[in-house]
């Protein structure tokens, strides 16, 4: 590591090896598919010799994995698991996990705790629900926040500046332009209701039921979504399930921020 230099009153330090490793991780995180060593080198503007040892080190530490057939590299879930150990995430998980179990027991459906990271939704926890079957998404599963029910519910309860930043991050990842006027209309409607409930955009026979987890400033730090399984042999209980979910999200929010208003109160106020 080189000595720090003082330019404009700020110390600057250089750690070339660390920089290379972070560049590799960031490139793989932004890529839609696995990347070969050549593709990584080209993407970073470096030679294959420069990044070979870095790829080996990252693979040995479990941060990336190599496909034996294609020789392409991709991220593992190690970074995701490390992220779950940050204090703020631990506070959320500690408050949410008992309630997820309560939701699963009372609704007989599977709730998922979701946050947004760099424009993508991320499933951080899930509890299977159902007497004979359940529908759960894998941990780490994510989509563009603007395209997903859980992401839109989180976006609906943000300051304008934060919402814009997240939408800009989504746009950077999207191949098509985002219709911001239509999205704003959707987010306004969600905020007024305090929840979202509609047929899944991905799966036939699934109804998305989603509510926010709110902090003391009125911003959503997460959402909980139930992928409700509609069955021919049983009556769907969407309204009752929504009630269970709302009560659980209110309890989580209250535990994290004792003096907050409920999403319904906030929607009525703005």
C-alpha atoms as a PDB file:
ATOM      1  CA  UNK A   1       0.000   0.000   0.000  1.00  0.00           C
ATOM      2  CA  UNK A   2       1.443   3.382  -0.946  1.00  0.00           C
ATOM      3  CA  UNK A   3       1.763   6.278   1.477  1.00  0.00           C
ATOM      4  CA  UNK A   4      -1.143   8.684   1.697  1.00  0.00           C
ATOM      5  CA  UNK A   5      -0.923  12.029  -0.052  1.00  0.00           C
ATOM      6  CA  UNK A   6      -2.716  15.134   1.098  1.00  0.00           C
ATOM      7  CA  UNK A   7      -4.519  16.918  -1.726  1.00  0.00           C
ATOM      8  CA  UNK A   8      -7.194  19.433  -0.882  1.00  0.00           C
ATOM      9  CA  UNK A   9      -6.998  18.453   2.777  1.00  0.00           C
ATOM     10  CA  UNK A  10      -7.937  14.794   2.157  1.00  0.00           C
ATOM     11  CA  UNK A  11      -5.671  11.815   2.656  1.00  0.00           C
ATOM     12  CA  UNK A  12      -5.489   9.386  -0.255  1.00  0.00           C
ATOM     13  CA  UNK A  13      -4.203   5.842  -0.001  1.00  0.00           C
ATOM     14  CA  UNK A  14      -3.686   3.206  -2.669  1.00  0.00           C
ATOM     15  CA  UNK A  15      -4.231  -0.545  -2.286  1.00  0.00           C
ATOM     16  CA  UNK A  16      -3.930  -1.936  -5.837  1.00  0.00           C
ATOM     17  CA  UNK A  17      -4.697  -5.559  -5.005  1.00  0.00           C
ATOM     18  CA  UNK A  18      -7.810  -4.642  -3.000  1.00  0.00           C
ATOM     19  CA  UNK A  19      -8.919  -2.306  -5.779  1.00  0.00           C
ATOM     20  CA  UNK A  20      -8.602  -5.081  -8.363  1.00  0.00           C
ATOM     21  CA  UNK A  21     -10.593  -7.471  -6.213  1.00  0.00           C
ATOM     22  CA  UNK A  22     -13.379  -4.963  -5.655  1.00  0.00           C
ATOM     23  CA  UNK A  23     -13.475  -4.148  -9.369  1.00  0.00           C
ATOM     24  CA  UNK A  24     -13.934  -7.843 -10.181  1.00  0.00           C
ATOM     25  CA  UNK A  25     -16.747  -8.236  -7.634  1.00  0.00           C
ATOM     26  CA  UNK A  26     -18.513  -5.096  -8.834  1.00  0.00           C
ATOM     27  CA  UNK A  27     -18.254  -6.138 -12.477  1.00  0.00           C
ATOM     28  CA  UNK A  28     -19.684  -9.599 -11.762  1.00  0.00           C
ATOM     29  CA  UNK A  29     -22.454  -8.076  -9.623  1.00  0.00           C
ATOM     30  CA  UNK A  30     -23.550  -5.838 -12.502  1.00  0.00           C
ATOM     31  CA  UNK A  31     -23.284  -8.524 -15.198  1.00  0.00           C
ATOM     32  CA  UNK A  32     -26.404 -10.319 -16.415  1.00  0.00           C
ATOM     33  CA  UNK A  33     -24.486 -13.574 -17.000  1.00  0.00           C
ATOM     34  CA  UNK A  34     -21.305 -15.303 -15.901  1.00  0.00           C
ATOM     35  CA  UNK A  35     -18.117 -13.838 -17.365  1.00  0.00           C
ATOM     36  CA  UNK A  36     -14.973 -15.521 -18.650  1.00  0.00           C
ATOM     37  CA  UNK A  37     -11.544 -14.328 -17.584  1.00  0.00           C
ATOM     38  CA  UNK A  38     -11.157 -12.563 -20.932  1.00  0.00           C
ATOM     39  CA  UNK A  39     -14.513 -10.822 -20.555  1.00  0.00           C
ATOM     40  CA  UNK A  40     -13.575  -9.697 -17.034  1.00  0.00           C
ATOM     41  CA  UNK A  41     -10.179  -8.438 -18.201  1.00  0.00           C
ATOM     42  CA  UNK A  42     -11.745  -6.579 -21.116  1.00  0.00           C
ATOM     43  CA  UNK A  43     -14.479  -5.152 -18.904  1.00  0.00           C
ATOM     44  CA  UNK A  44     -11.920  -3.771 -16.449  1.00  0.00           C
ATOM     45  CA  UNK A  45      -9.422  -2.660 -19.072  1.00  0.00           C
ATOM     46  CA  UNK A  46      -6.776  -4.955 -17.614  1.00  0.00           C
ATOM     47  CA  UNK A  47      -4.738  -7.869 -18.901  1.00  0.00           C
ATOM     48  CA  UNK A  48      -5.602 -11.476 -18.078  1.00  0.00           C
ATOM     49  CA  UNK A  49      -2.264 -11.767 -16.268  1.00  0.00           C
ATOM     50  CA  UNK A  50      -3.268  -8.883 -13.984  1.00  0.00           C
ATOM     51  CA  UNK A  51      -6.480 -10.496 -12.815  1.00  0.00           C
ATOM     52  CA  UNK A  52      -5.603 -14.212 -12.898  1.00  0.00           C
ATOM     53  CA  UNK A  53      -4.265 -14.370  -9.334  1.00  0.00           C
ATOM     54  CA  UNK A  54      -7.115 -12.186  -8.102  1.00  0.00           C
ATOM     55  CA  UNK A  55      -9.700 -14.576  -9.576  1.00  0.00           C
ATOM     56  CA  UNK A  56      -7.953 -17.526  -7.952  1.00  0.00           C
ATOM     57  CA  UNK A  57      -7.883 -15.768  -4.569  1.00  0.00           C
ATOM     58  CA  UNK A  58     -11.555 -14.752  -4.761  1.00  0.00           C
ATOM     59  CA  UNK A  59     -12.515 -18.282  -5.764  1.00  0.00           C
ATOM     60  CA  UNK A  60     -10.519 -19.805  -2.901  1.00  0.00           C
ATOM     61  CA  UNK A  61     -12.234 -17.435  -0.444  1.00  0.00           C
ATOM     62  CA  UNK A  62     -15.646 -18.440  -1.789  1.00  0.00           C
ATOM     63  CA  UNK A  63     -16.679 -15.065  -3.221  1.00  0.00           C
ATOM     64  CA  UNK A  64     -16.843 -16.284  -6.819  1.00  0.00           C
ATOM     65  CA  UNK A  65     -17.220 -19.642  -8.513  1.00  0.00           C
ATOM     66  CA  UNK A  66     -16.109 -20.990 -11.888  1.00  0.00           C
ATOM     67  CA  UNK A  67     -18.250 -23.081 -14.190  1.00  0.00           C
ATOM     68  CA  UNK A  68     -16.157 -26.094 -15.160  1.00  0.00           C
ATOM     69  CA  UNK A  69     -17.787 -26.363 -18.591  1.00  0.00           C
ATOM     70  CA  UNK A  70     -17.658 -22.719 -19.684  1.00  0.00           C
ATOM     71  CA  UNK A  71     -14.740 -21.421 -17.556  1.00  0.00           C
ATOM     72  CA  UNK A  72     -16.997 -18.456 -16.718  1.00  0.00           C
ATOM     73  CA  UNK A  73     -17.060 -16.852 -13.285  1.00  0.00           C
ATOM     74  CA  UNK A  74     -20.035 -15.666 -11.224  1.00  0.00           C
ATOM     75  CA  UNK A  75     -20.646 -14.406  -7.706  1.00  0.00           C
ATOM     76  CA  UNK A  76     -21.592 -16.805  -4.937  1.00  0.00           C
ATOM     77  CA  UNK A  77     -23.934 -15.798  -2.107  1.00  0.00           C
ATOM     78  CA  UNK A  78     -21.025 -15.164   0.289  1.00  0.00           C
ATOM     79  CA  UNK A  79     -21.297 -11.367   0.046  1.00  0.00           C
ATOM     80  CA  UNK A  80     -25.042 -11.620   0.549  1.00  0.00           C
ATOM     81  CA  UNK A  81     -24.551 -13.699   3.697  1.00  0.00           C
ATOM     82  CA  UNK A  82     -21.985 -11.241   5.025  1.00  0.00           C
ATOM     83  CA  UNK A  83     -24.450  -8.427   4.460  1.00  0.00           C
ATOM     84  CA  UNK A  84     -26.956 -10.168   6.689  1.00  0.00           C
ATOM     85  CA  UNK A  85     -24.561  -9.725   9.608  1.00  0.00           C
ATOM     86  CA  UNK A  86     -24.496  -5.913   9.534  1.00  0.00           C
ATOM     87  CA  UNK A  87     -26.048  -4.353  12.673  1.00  0.00           C
ATOM     88  CA  UNK A  88     -28.986  -2.719  10.861  1.00  0.00           C
ATOM     89  CA  UNK A  89     -29.838  -5.921   9.023  1.00  0.00           C
ATOM     90  CA  UNK A  90     -29.521  -7.930  12.214  1.00  0.00           C
ATOM     91  CA  UNK A  91     -31.942  -5.572  13.979  1.00  0.00           C
ATOM     92  CA  UNK A  92     -34.439  -6.012  11.141  1.00  0.00           C
ATOM     93  CA  UNK A  93     -34.003  -9.784  11.082  1.00  0.00           C
ATOM     94  CA  UNK A  94     -34.336 -10.051  14.866  1.00  0.00           C
ATOM     95  CA  UNK A  95     -37.581  -8.091  14.799  1.00  0.00           C
ATOM     96  CA  UNK A  96     -38.981  -9.772  11.676  1.00  0.00           C
ATOM     97  CA  UNK A  97     -38.254 -13.482  12.067  1.00  0.00           C
ATOM     98  CA  UNK A  98     -40.759 -14.226  14.870  1.00  0.00           C
ATOM     99  CA  UNK A  99     -43.422 -12.317  12.945  1.00  0.00           C
ATOM    100  CA  UNK A 100     -42.682 -14.220   9.727  1.00  0.00           C
ATOM    101  CA  UNK A 101     -43.328 -17.427  11.637  1.00  0.00           C
ATOM    102  CA  UNK A 102     -46.581 -15.989  12.998  1.00  0.00           C
ATOM    103  CA  UNK A 103     -47.694 -14.974   9.501  1.00  0.00           C
ATOM    104  CA  UNK A 104     -46.923 -18.426   8.129  1.00  0.00           C
ATOM    105  CA  UNK A 105     -48.838 -20.106  10.954  1.00  0.00           C
ATOM    106  CA  UNK A 106     -51.904 -17.855  10.816  1.00  0.00           C
ATOM    107  CA  UNK A 107     -52.182 -17.569   7.031  1.00  0.00           C
ATOM    108  CA  UNK A 108     -50.840 -20.995   6.019  1.00  0.00           C
ATOM    109  CA  UNK A 109     -48.884 -19.134   3.325  1.00  0.00           C
ATOM    110  CA  UNK A 110     -45.191 -18.286   2.907  1.00  0.00           C
ATOM    111  CA  UNK A 111     -44.018 -14.752   3.817  1.00  0.00           C
ATOM    112  CA  UNK A 112     -40.772 -13.285   2.442  1.00  0.00           C
ATOM    113  CA  UNK A 113     -38.783 -10.386   3.903  1.00  0.00           C
ATOM    114  CA  UNK A 114     -37.439  -8.173   1.115  1.00  0.00           C
ATOM    115  CA  UNK A 115     -35.052  -5.212   0.964  1.00  0.00           C
ATOM    116  CA  UNK A 116     -33.700  -3.164  -1.945  1.00  0.00           C
ATOM    117  CA  UNK A 117     -29.995  -3.102  -2.827  1.00  0.00           C
ATOM    118  CA  UNK A 118     -28.630  -1.161  -5.807  1.00  0.00           C
ATOM    119  CA  UNK A 119     -31.962  -1.149  -7.591  1.00  0.00           C
ATOM    120  CA  UNK A 120     -32.706  -4.834  -7.032  1.00  0.00           C
ATOM    121  CA  UNK A 121     -35.010  -6.476  -4.533  1.00  0.00           C
ATOM    122  CA  UNK A 122     -33.316  -9.065  -2.324  1.00  0.00           C
ATOM    123  CA  UNK A 123     -35.134 -11.792  -0.399  1.00  0.00           C
ATOM    124  CA  UNK A 124     -33.376 -11.854   2.985  1.00  0.00           C
ATOM    125  CA  UNK A 125     -35.630 -14.301   4.834  1.00  0.00           C
ATOM    126  CA  UNK A 126     -38.558 -16.637   4.152  1.00  0.00           C
ATOM    127  CA  UNK A 127     -40.676 -19.002   6.222  1.00  0.00           C
ATOM    128  CA  UNK A 128     -42.562 -21.867   4.535  1.00  0.00           C
ATOM    129  CA  UNK A 129     -46.284 -21.912   5.227  1.00  0.00           C
ATOM    130  CA  UNK A 130     -48.926 -24.472   4.367  1.00  0.00           C
ATOM    131  CA  UNK A 131     -50.150 -27.817   5.618  1.00  0.00           C
ATOM    132  CA  UNK A 132     -49.171 -29.868   2.581  1.00  0.00           C
ATOM    133  CA  UNK A 133     -47.149 -27.553   0.341  1.00  0.00           C
ATOM    134  CA  UNK A 134     -45.539 -24.104   0.261  1.00  0.00           C
ATOM    135  CA  UNK A 135     -44.216 -21.596  -2.249  1.00  0.00           C
ATOM    136  CA  UNK A 136     -40.951 -19.928  -1.237  1.00  0.00           C
ATOM    137  CA  UNK A 137     -38.355 -17.966  -3.174  1.00  0.00           C
ATOM    138  CA  UNK A 138     -34.693 -18.680  -2.559  1.00  0.00           C
ATOM    139  CA  UNK A 139     -32.732 -16.290  -0.347  1.00  0.00           C
ATOM    140  CA  UNK A 140     -30.991 -13.663  -2.437  1.00  0.00           C
ATOM    141  CA  UNK A 141     -33.595 -13.856  -5.205  1.00  0.00           C
ATOM    142  CA  UNK A 142     -34.097 -10.466  -6.742  1.00  0.00           C
ATOM    143  CA  UNK A 143     -35.637  -8.434  -9.541  1.00  0.00           C
ATOM    144  CA  UNK A 144     -35.667  -4.806 -10.562  1.00  0.00           C
ATOM    145  CA  UNK A 145     -37.367  -2.941  -7.736  1.00  0.00           C
ATOM    146  CA  UNK A 146     -39.516  -1.006 -10.197  1.00  0.00           C
ATOM    147  CA  UNK A 147     -40.832  -4.239 -11.740  1.00  0.00           C
ATOM    148  CA  UNK A 148     -41.624  -6.159  -8.560  1.00  0.00           C
ATOM    149  CA  UNK A 149     -44.478  -5.883  -6.094  1.00  0.00           C
ATOM    150  CA  UNK A 150     -42.172  -5.953  -3.074  1.00  0.00           C
ATOM    151  CA  UNK A 151     -39.916  -3.312  -4.604  1.00  0.00           C
ATOM    152  CA  UNK A 152     -42.776  -0.997  -5.507  1.00  0.00           C
ATOM    153  CA  UNK A 153     -44.164  -1.216  -1.971  1.00  0.00           C
ATOM    154  CA  UNK A 154     -40.778  -0.157  -0.578  1.00  0.00           C
ATOM    155  CA  UNK A 155     -40.480   2.609  -3.187  1.00  0.00           C
ATOM    156  CA  UNK A 156     -43.944   3.935  -2.340  1.00  0.00           C
ATOM    157  CA  UNK A 157     -42.751   4.845   1.149  1.00  0.00           C
ATOM    158  CA  UNK A 158     -39.578   6.803   0.381  1.00  0.00           C
ATOM    159  CA  UNK A 159     -38.625  10.443   0.221  1.00  0.00           C
ATOM    160  CA  UNK A 160     -38.701  11.812  -3.357  1.00  0.00           C
ATOM    161  CA  UNK A 161     -34.893  12.007  -3.445  1.00  0.00           C
ATOM    162  CA  UNK A 162     -34.425   8.419  -2.270  1.00  0.00           C
ATOM    163  CA  UNK A 163     -37.096   7.087  -4.619  1.00  0.00           C
ATOM    164  CA  UNK A 164     -35.465   8.876  -7.546  1.00  0.00           C
ATOM    165  CA  UNK A 165     -32.062   7.444  -6.686  1.00  0.00           C
ATOM    166  CA  UNK A 166     -33.428   3.898  -6.526  1.00  0.00           C
ATOM    167  CA  UNK A 167     -35.366   4.336  -9.780  1.00  0.00           C
ATOM    168  CA  UNK A 168     -32.217   5.690 -11.453  1.00  0.00           C
ATOM    169  CA  UNK A 169     -30.363   2.576 -10.270  1.00  0.00           C
ATOM    170  CA  UNK A 170     -33.142   0.431 -11.753  1.00  0.00           C
ATOM    171  CA  UNK A 171     -32.954   2.316 -15.034  1.00  0.00           C
ATOM    172  CA  UNK A 172     -29.214   1.692 -15.235  1.00  0.00           C
ATOM    173  CA  UNK A 173     -29.922  -2.046 -15.057  1.00  0.00           C
ATOM    174  CA  UNK A 174     -32.953  -2.047 -17.361  1.00  0.00           C
ATOM    175  CA  UNK A 175     -32.762  -2.616 -21.109  1.00  0.00           C
ATOM    176  CA  UNK A 176     -35.971  -0.623 -21.647  1.00  0.00           C
ATOM    177  CA  UNK A 177     -36.837   2.897 -20.463  1.00  0.00           C
ATOM    178  CA  UNK A 178     -38.918   3.057 -17.282  1.00  0.00           C
ATOM    179  CA  UNK A 179     -42.255   4.847 -17.658  1.00  0.00           C
ATOM    180  CA  UNK A 180     -41.807   7.122 -14.670  1.00  0.00           C
ATOM    181  CA  UNK A 181     -45.223   8.744 -14.887  1.00  0.00           C
ATOM    182  CA  UNK A 182     -46.977   5.379 -14.838  1.00  0.00           C
ATOM    183  CA  UNK A 183     -44.713   4.184 -12.037  1.00  0.00           C
ATOM    184  CA  UNK A 184     -45.396   7.312  -9.976  1.00  0.00           C
ATOM    185  CA  UNK A 185     -49.127   6.701 -10.359  1.00  0.00           C
ATOM    186  CA  UNK A 186     -48.697   3.116  -9.106  1.00  0.00           C
ATOM    187  CA  UNK A 187     -46.574   4.199  -6.153  1.00  0.00           C
ATOM    188  CA  UNK A 188     -49.052   6.914  -5.164  1.00  0.00           C
ATOM    189  CA  UNK A 189     -51.895   4.376  -5.166  1.00  0.00           C
ATOM    190  CA  UNK A 190     -49.871   1.939  -3.033  1.00  0.00           C
ATOM    191  CA  UNK A 191     -49.007   4.673  -0.547  1.00  0.00           C
ATOM    192  CA  UNK A 192     -52.658   5.676  -0.200  1.00  0.00           C
ATOM    193  CA  UNK A 193     -53.751   2.068   0.381  1.00  0.00           C
ATOM    194  CA  UNK A 194     -50.803   1.192   2.568  1.00  0.00           C
ATOM    195  CA  UNK A 195     -50.326  -2.161   0.799  1.00  0.00           C
ATOM    196  CA  UNK A 196     -50.445  -3.929  -2.572  1.00  0.00           C
ATOM    197  CA  UNK A 197     -52.579  -6.913  -3.574  1.00  0.00           C
ATOM    198  CA  UNK A 198     -52.805  -8.237  -7.133  1.00  0.00           C
ATOM    199  CA  UNK A 199     -52.129 -11.274  -9.298  1.00  0.00           C
ATOM    200  CA  UNK A 200     -48.465 -12.151  -9.592  1.00  0.00           C
ATOM    201  CA  UNK A 201     -46.723 -10.834 -12.699  1.00  0.00           C
ATOM    202  CA  UNK A 202     -44.521 -13.945 -12.777  1.00  0.00           C
ATOM    203  CA  UNK A 203     -46.537 -16.956 -11.659  1.00  0.00           C
ATOM    204  CA  UNK A 204     -49.976 -18.228 -12.639  1.00  0.00           C
ATOM    205  CA  UNK A 205     -52.192 -18.997  -9.642  1.00  0.00           C
ATOM    206  CA  UNK A 206     -50.209 -16.784  -7.259  1.00  0.00           C
ATOM    207  CA  UNK A 207     -51.511 -13.564  -5.695  1.00  0.00           C
ATOM    208  CA  UNK A 208     -48.985 -11.062  -4.341  1.00  0.00           C
ATOM    209  CA  UNK A 209     -49.950  -9.583  -0.972  1.00  0.00           C
ATOM    210  CA  UNK A 210     -47.387  -7.085   0.293  1.00  0.00           C
ATOM    211  CA  UNK A 211     -46.990  -4.516   3.088  1.00  0.00           C
ATOM    212  CA  UNK A 212     -44.096  -2.226   4.102  1.00  0.00           C
ATOM    213  CA  UNK A 213     -41.957  -2.199   7.223  1.00  0.00           C
ATOM    214  CA  UNK A 214     -41.684   1.472   8.169  1.00  0.00           C
ATOM    215  CA  UNK A 215     -39.046   3.370  10.142  1.00  0.00           C
ATOM    216  CA  UNK A 216     -39.618   6.357  12.435  1.00  0.00           C
ATOM    217  CA  UNK A 217     -39.183   8.786   9.534  1.00  0.00           C
ATOM    218  CA  UNK A 218     -41.987   7.176   7.569  1.00  0.00           C
ATOM    219  CA  UNK A 219     -39.673   5.432   5.104  1.00  0.00           C
ATOM    220  CA  UNK A 220     -39.882   1.739   4.221  1.00  0.00           C
ATOM    221  CA  UNK A 221     -36.763  -0.180   5.179  1.00  0.00           C
ATOM    222  CA  UNK A 222     -38.210  -3.446   3.872  1.00  0.00           C
ATOM    223  CA  UNK A 223     -41.407  -5.124   2.785  1.00  0.00           C
ATOM    224  CA  UNK A 224     -42.983  -8.481   3.502  1.00  0.00           C
ATOM    225  CA  UNK A 225     -44.643 -10.228   0.604  1.00  0.00           C
ATOM    226  CA  UNK A 226     -46.798 -13.336   0.654  1.00  0.00           C
ATOM    227  CA  UNK A 227     -46.906 -15.340  -2.551  1.00  0.00           C
ATOM    228  CA  UNK A 228     -50.456 -16.541  -1.912  1.00  0.00           C
ATOM    229  CA  UNK A 229     -51.238 -19.896  -3.543  1.00  0.00           C
ATOM    230  CA  UNK A 230     -54.763 -19.986  -4.970  1.00  0.00           C
ATOM    231  CA  UNK A 231     -56.155 -23.524  -5.076  1.00  0.00           C
ATOM    232  CA  UNK A 232     -59.189 -25.021  -6.785  1.00  0.00           C
ATOM    233  CA  UNK A 233     -60.164 -26.987  -3.701  1.00  0.00           C
ATOM    234  CA  UNK A 234     -60.005 -24.122  -1.200  1.00  0.00           C
ATOM    235  CA  UNK A 235     -61.512 -20.687  -0.925  1.00  0.00           C
ATOM    236  CA  UNK A 236     -58.963 -17.897  -1.245  1.00  0.00           C
ATOM    237  CA  UNK A 237     -58.674 -15.762   1.886  1.00  0.00           C
ATOM    238  CA  UNK A 238     -56.886 -12.703   0.517  1.00  0.00           C
ATOM    239  CA  UNK A 239     -58.520 -10.146   2.818  1.00  0.00           C
ATOM    240  CA  UNK A 240     -57.902 -12.194   5.955  1.00  0.00           C
ATOM    241  CA  UNK A 241     -54.298 -12.828   4.932  1.00  0.00           C
ATOM    242  CA  UNK A 242     -53.775  -9.125   4.266  1.00  0.00           C
ATOM    243  CA  UNK A 243     -55.058  -8.357   7.763  1.00  0.00           C
ATOM    244  CA  UNK A 244     -52.591 -10.821   9.293  1.00  0.00           C
ATOM    245  CA  UNK A 245     -49.749  -9.339   7.250  1.00  0.00           C
ATOM    246  CA  UNK A 246     -50.613  -5.723   8.100  1.00  0.00           C
ATOM    247  CA  UNK A 247     -50.728  -6.463  11.812  1.00  0.00           C
ATOM    248  CA  UNK A 248     -47.361  -8.244  11.691  1.00  0.00           C
ATOM    249  CA  UNK A 249     -45.689  -5.435   9.712  1.00  0.00           C
ATOM    250  CA  UNK A 250     -47.061  -2.868  12.176  1.00  0.00           C
ATOM    251  CA  UNK A 251     -45.593  -4.845  15.074  1.00  0.00           C
ATOM    252  CA  UNK A 252     -42.187  -5.105  13.378  1.00  0.00           C
ATOM    253  CA  UNK A 253     -42.210  -1.396  12.577  1.00  0.00           C
ATOM    254  CA  UNK A 254     -43.199  -0.524  16.134  1.00  0.00           C
ATOM    255  CA  UNK A 255     -40.411  -2.677  17.542  1.00  0.00           C
ATOM    256  CA  UNK A 256     -37.845  -0.947  15.323  1.00  0.00           C
ATOM    257  CA  UNK A 257     -39.309   2.564  15.682  1.00  0.00           C
ATOM    258  CA  UNK A 258     -41.629   2.921  18.699  1.00  0.00           C
ATOM    259  CA  UNK A 259     -43.255   6.236  17.757  1.00  0.00           C
ATOM    260  CA  UNK A 260     -44.058   5.694  14.099  1.00  0.00           C
ATOM    261  CA  UNK A 261     -47.366   6.088  12.281  1.00  0.00           C
ATOM    262  CA  UNK A 262     -48.918   3.136  10.474  1.00  0.00           C
ATOM    263  CA  UNK A 263     -48.732   2.970   6.642  1.00  0.00           C
ATOM    264  CA  UNK A 264     -52.491   3.565   6.490  1.00  0.00           C
ATOM    265  CA  UNK A 265     -52.180   6.762   8.560  1.00  0.00           C
ATOM    266  CA  UNK A 266     -49.262   7.946   6.432  1.00  0.00           C
ATOM    267  CA  UNK A 267     -51.114   7.282   3.194  1.00  0.00           C
ATOM    268  CA  UNK A 268     -54.082   9.299   4.402  1.00  0.00           C
ATOM    269  CA  UNK A 269     -51.806  12.136   5.360  1.00  0.00           C
ATOM    270  CA  UNK A 270     -49.973  12.358   2.053  1.00  0.00           C
END
